[in-house]
N, C-alpha and C. Protein backbone atom coordinates (compact mmCIF):
# COMPACT_ATOMS: atom_id res chain seq x y z
N UNK A 1 0.84 -1.18 0.00
CA UNK A 1 0.00 0.00 0.00
C UNK A 1 0.88 1.23 0.00
N UNK A 2 0.42 2.24 -0.75
CA UNK A 2 1.14 3.49 -0.81
C UNK A 2 0.12 4.64 -0.88
N UNK A 3 0.41 5.70 -0.16
CA UNK A 3 -0.47 6.88 -0.18
C UNK A 3 -0.11 7.74 -1.38
N UNK A 4 -1.12 8.04 -2.22
CA UNK A 4 -0.93 8.87 -3.40
C UNK A 4 -2.13 9.77 -3.58
N UNK A 5 -1.94 10.81 -4.38
CA UNK A 5 -3.06 11.70 -4.69
C UNK A 5 -3.93 11.03 -5.76
N UNK A 6 -5.22 10.95 -5.52
CA UNK A 6 -6.17 10.37 -6.46
C UNK A 6 -6.90 11.52 -7.16
N UNK A 7 -6.71 11.62 -8.47
CA UNK A 7 -7.35 12.70 -9.22
C UNK A 7 -8.87 12.51 -9.30
N UNK A 8 -9.34 11.27 -9.20
CA UNK A 8 -10.78 11.01 -9.21
C UNK A 8 -11.44 11.54 -7.93
N UNK A 9 -10.79 11.28 -6.81
CA UNK A 9 -11.34 11.66 -5.50
C UNK A 9 -10.87 13.04 -5.03
N UNK A 10 -9.83 13.55 -5.69
CA UNK A 10 -9.24 14.85 -5.38
C UNK A 10 -8.70 14.93 -3.96
N UNK A 11 -8.05 13.86 -3.53
CA UNK A 11 -7.37 13.85 -2.23
C UNK A 11 -6.39 12.69 -2.18
N UNK A 12 -5.53 12.71 -1.19
CA UNK A 12 -4.55 11.64 -1.01
C UNK A 12 -5.22 10.44 -0.35
N UNK A 13 -5.04 9.28 -0.95
CA UNK A 13 -5.67 8.05 -0.48
C UNK A 13 -4.72 6.88 -0.64
N UNK A 14 -4.99 5.77 0.06
CA UNK A 14 -4.15 4.59 -0.10
C UNK A 14 -4.42 3.89 -1.42
N UNK A 15 -3.35 3.44 -2.07
CA UNK A 15 -3.44 2.67 -3.30
C UNK A 15 -2.86 1.29 -3.04
N UNK A 16 -3.50 0.27 -3.57
CA UNK A 16 -3.09 -1.12 -3.36
C UNK A 16 -1.97 -1.52 -4.31
N UNK A 17 -1.01 -2.28 -3.79
CA UNK A 17 -0.02 -2.88 -4.68
C UNK A 17 -0.65 -4.14 -5.28
N UNK A 18 0.07 -4.83 -6.16
CA UNK A 18 -0.52 -5.97 -6.87
C UNK A 18 -0.82 -7.16 -5.97
N UNK A 19 -0.04 -7.36 -4.93
CA UNK A 19 -0.32 -8.45 -3.98
C UNK A 19 -1.62 -8.16 -3.24
N UNK A 20 -1.77 -6.94 -2.75
CA UNK A 20 -2.99 -6.55 -2.04
C UNK A 20 -4.20 -6.59 -2.96
N UNK A 21 -4.04 -6.06 -4.18
CA UNK A 21 -5.15 -6.09 -5.13
C UNK A 21 -5.52 -7.53 -5.49
N UNK A 22 -4.53 -8.41 -5.54
CA UNK A 22 -4.78 -9.82 -5.84
C UNK A 22 -5.66 -10.50 -4.79
N UNK A 23 -5.64 -10.02 -3.59
CA UNK A 23 -6.50 -10.56 -2.53
C UNK A 23 -7.96 -10.20 -2.80
N UNK A 24 -8.18 -8.98 -3.27
CA UNK A 24 -9.54 -8.48 -3.46
C UNK A 24 -10.10 -8.81 -4.84
N UNK A 25 -9.27 -8.84 -5.86
CA UNK A 25 -9.76 -8.93 -7.24
C UNK A 25 -10.68 -10.11 -7.54
N UNK A 26 -10.46 -11.31 -6.97
CA UNK A 26 -11.42 -12.38 -7.26
C UNK A 26 -12.84 -12.05 -6.79
N UNK A 27 -12.94 -11.28 -5.73
CA UNK A 27 -14.26 -10.89 -5.21
C UNK A 27 -14.92 -9.82 -6.07
N UNK A 28 -14.11 -9.04 -6.77
CA UNK A 28 -14.66 -7.99 -7.63
C UNK A 28 -15.28 -8.57 -8.89
N UNK A 29 -14.87 -9.78 -9.26
CA UNK A 29 -15.42 -10.39 -10.47
C UNK A 29 -16.72 -11.15 -10.21
N UNK A 30 -17.12 -11.25 -8.95
CA UNK A 30 -18.37 -11.94 -8.61
C UNK A 30 -19.54 -11.07 -9.05
N UNK A 31 -20.46 -11.67 -9.78
CA UNK A 31 -21.65 -10.96 -10.25
C UNK A 31 -22.54 -10.62 -9.05
N UNK A 32 -22.84 -9.35 -8.89
CA UNK A 32 -23.68 -8.94 -7.75
C UNK A 32 -25.07 -8.53 -8.20
N UNK A 33 -25.43 -8.88 -9.43
CA UNK A 33 -26.81 -8.66 -9.86
C UNK A 33 -27.71 -9.48 -8.94
N UNK A 34 -28.83 -8.94 -8.59
CA UNK A 34 -29.68 -9.57 -7.60
C UNK A 34 -30.50 -10.72 -8.18
N UNK A 35 -30.09 -11.96 -7.86
CA UNK A 35 -30.94 -13.09 -8.26
C UNK A 35 -32.16 -13.14 -7.34
N UNK A 36 -33.25 -13.72 -7.78
CA UNK A 36 -34.46 -13.75 -6.93
C UNK A 36 -34.22 -14.30 -5.54
N UNK A 37 -33.39 -15.32 -5.41
CA UNK A 37 -33.16 -15.93 -4.10
C UNK A 37 -32.35 -15.03 -3.17
N UNK A 38 -31.50 -14.18 -3.72
CA UNK A 38 -30.63 -13.34 -2.89
C UNK A 38 -31.38 -12.13 -2.34
N UNK A 39 -32.45 -11.73 -2.97
CA UNK A 39 -33.17 -10.54 -2.53
C UNK A 39 -33.69 -10.69 -1.11
N UNK A 40 -34.00 -11.90 -0.72
CA UNK A 40 -34.59 -12.12 0.59
C UNK A 40 -33.57 -12.31 1.71
N UNK A 41 -32.37 -12.77 1.38
CA UNK A 41 -31.45 -13.11 2.47
C UNK A 41 -30.21 -12.22 2.57
N UNK A 42 -30.12 -11.14 1.79
CA UNK A 42 -29.02 -10.20 1.93
C UNK A 42 -27.72 -10.61 1.28
N UNK A 43 -27.72 -11.64 0.45
CA UNK A 43 -26.48 -12.08 -0.20
C UNK A 43 -25.87 -10.98 -1.06
N UNK A 44 -26.70 -10.27 -1.78
CA UNK A 44 -26.20 -9.22 -2.67
C UNK A 44 -25.49 -8.13 -1.88
N UNK A 45 -26.08 -7.69 -0.79
CA UNK A 45 -25.46 -6.66 0.05
C UNK A 45 -24.13 -7.16 0.61
N UNK A 46 -24.08 -8.40 0.99
CA UNK A 46 -22.84 -8.98 1.50
C UNK A 46 -21.77 -9.03 0.43
N UNK A 47 -22.13 -9.47 -0.77
CA UNK A 47 -21.18 -9.53 -1.88
C UNK A 47 -20.67 -8.15 -2.27
N UNK A 48 -21.50 -7.14 -2.12
CA UNK A 48 -21.07 -5.76 -2.38
C UNK A 48 -20.11 -5.27 -1.31
N UNK A 49 -20.37 -5.64 -0.06
CA UNK A 49 -19.62 -5.10 1.08
C UNK A 49 -18.27 -5.78 1.31
N UNK A 50 -18.14 -7.05 1.04
CA UNK A 50 -16.91 -7.79 1.39
C UNK A 50 -15.65 -7.17 0.78
N UNK A 51 -15.61 -6.84 -0.52
CA UNK A 51 -14.39 -6.23 -1.06
C UNK A 51 -14.07 -4.88 -0.40
N UNK A 52 -15.11 -4.11 -0.07
CA UNK A 52 -14.90 -2.83 0.61
C UNK A 52 -14.33 -3.06 2.00
N UNK A 53 -14.84 -4.06 2.70
CA UNK A 53 -14.34 -4.40 4.04
C UNK A 53 -12.87 -4.82 3.98
N UNK A 54 -12.51 -5.62 2.98
CA UNK A 54 -11.11 -6.07 2.85
C UNK A 54 -10.21 -4.89 2.52
N UNK A 55 -10.65 -4.01 1.62
CA UNK A 55 -9.88 -2.81 1.31
C UNK A 55 -9.61 -2.01 2.58
N UNK A 56 -10.64 -1.85 3.38
CA UNK A 56 -10.49 -1.10 4.64
C UNK A 56 -9.55 -1.81 5.60
N UNK A 57 -9.61 -3.12 5.66
CA UNK A 57 -8.72 -3.85 6.59
C UNK A 57 -7.25 -3.73 6.16
N UNK A 58 -7.01 -3.61 4.87
CA UNK A 58 -5.64 -3.47 4.37
C UNK A 58 -5.14 -2.04 4.53
N UNK A 59 -6.00 -1.07 4.21
CA UNK A 59 -5.56 0.32 4.11
C UNK A 59 -5.95 1.20 5.29
N UNK A 60 -6.99 0.81 6.02
CA UNK A 60 -7.51 1.67 7.08
C UNK A 60 -8.44 2.74 6.56
N UNK A 61 -8.74 2.71 5.26
CA UNK A 61 -9.62 3.71 4.64
C UNK A 61 -10.86 3.01 4.10
N UNK A 62 -12.03 3.58 4.38
CA UNK A 62 -13.29 3.01 3.92
C UNK A 62 -13.73 3.68 2.62
N UNK A 63 -13.95 2.89 1.59
CA UNK A 63 -14.48 3.40 0.33
C UNK A 63 -16.00 3.32 0.36
N UNK A 64 -16.63 4.10 -0.49
CA UNK A 64 -18.09 4.13 -0.54
C UNK A 64 -18.68 3.00 -1.38
N UNK A 65 -17.99 2.62 -2.45
CA UNK A 65 -18.50 1.53 -3.29
C UNK A 65 -17.34 0.72 -3.85
N UNK A 66 -17.63 -0.51 -4.20
CA UNK A 66 -16.58 -1.43 -4.63
C UNK A 66 -15.94 -1.02 -5.94
N UNK A 67 -16.62 -0.26 -6.79
CA UNK A 67 -16.03 0.17 -8.05
C UNK A 67 -14.83 1.11 -7.84
N UNK A 68 -14.77 1.78 -6.70
CA UNK A 68 -13.65 2.66 -6.39
C UNK A 68 -12.34 1.89 -6.20
N UNK A 69 -12.44 0.63 -5.87
CA UNK A 69 -11.23 -0.18 -5.63
C UNK A 69 -10.38 -0.24 -6.89
N UNK A 70 -11.00 -0.30 -8.06
CA UNK A 70 -10.26 -0.41 -9.32
C UNK A 70 -9.33 0.77 -9.57
N UNK A 71 -9.74 1.96 -9.22
CA UNK A 71 -8.83 3.08 -9.48
C UNK A 71 -7.97 3.45 -8.28
N UNK A 72 -7.99 2.63 -7.24
CA UNK A 72 -7.06 2.79 -6.12
C UNK A 72 -6.07 1.63 -6.12
N UNK A 73 -5.51 1.41 -7.30
CA UNK A 73 -4.55 0.33 -7.55
C UNK A 73 -3.30 0.97 -8.16
N UNK A 74 -2.14 0.70 -7.57
CA UNK A 74 -0.89 1.32 -8.03
C UNK A 74 -0.63 1.08 -9.51
N UNK A 75 -0.92 -0.12 -10.01
CA UNK A 75 -0.66 -0.44 -11.41
C UNK A 75 -1.48 0.46 -12.34
N UNK A 76 -2.70 0.77 -11.98
CA UNK A 76 -3.54 1.66 -12.78
C UNK A 76 -3.05 3.09 -12.67
N UNK A 77 -2.65 3.48 -11.47
CA UNK A 77 -2.17 4.84 -11.24
C UNK A 77 -0.94 5.13 -12.10
N UNK A 78 -0.04 4.17 -12.22
CA UNK A 78 1.18 4.38 -12.99
C UNK A 78 0.92 4.45 -14.49
N UNK A 79 -0.25 3.96 -14.95
CA UNK A 79 -0.60 4.02 -16.36
C UNK A 79 -1.19 5.37 -16.75
N UNK A 80 -1.70 6.11 -15.78
CA UNK A 80 -2.36 7.40 -16.07
C UNK A 80 -1.37 8.46 -16.44
């Protein structure tokens, strides 16, 4: 993890290295579209929250949505 300025968020935030991102990335590929069975038992909300919780446990910073994790990755930052 490294603290860098995020032009999307307009502030300094933690960015994940590839090892840290590798922990979260399999969870980001899970489809979180609401199947009929998940609507009743909260599975969708859990699948949305888990990657955010892991990001917070690694960085100490809470993101608002899981899509933000993609642009808080050092490899992406170095491409910009």
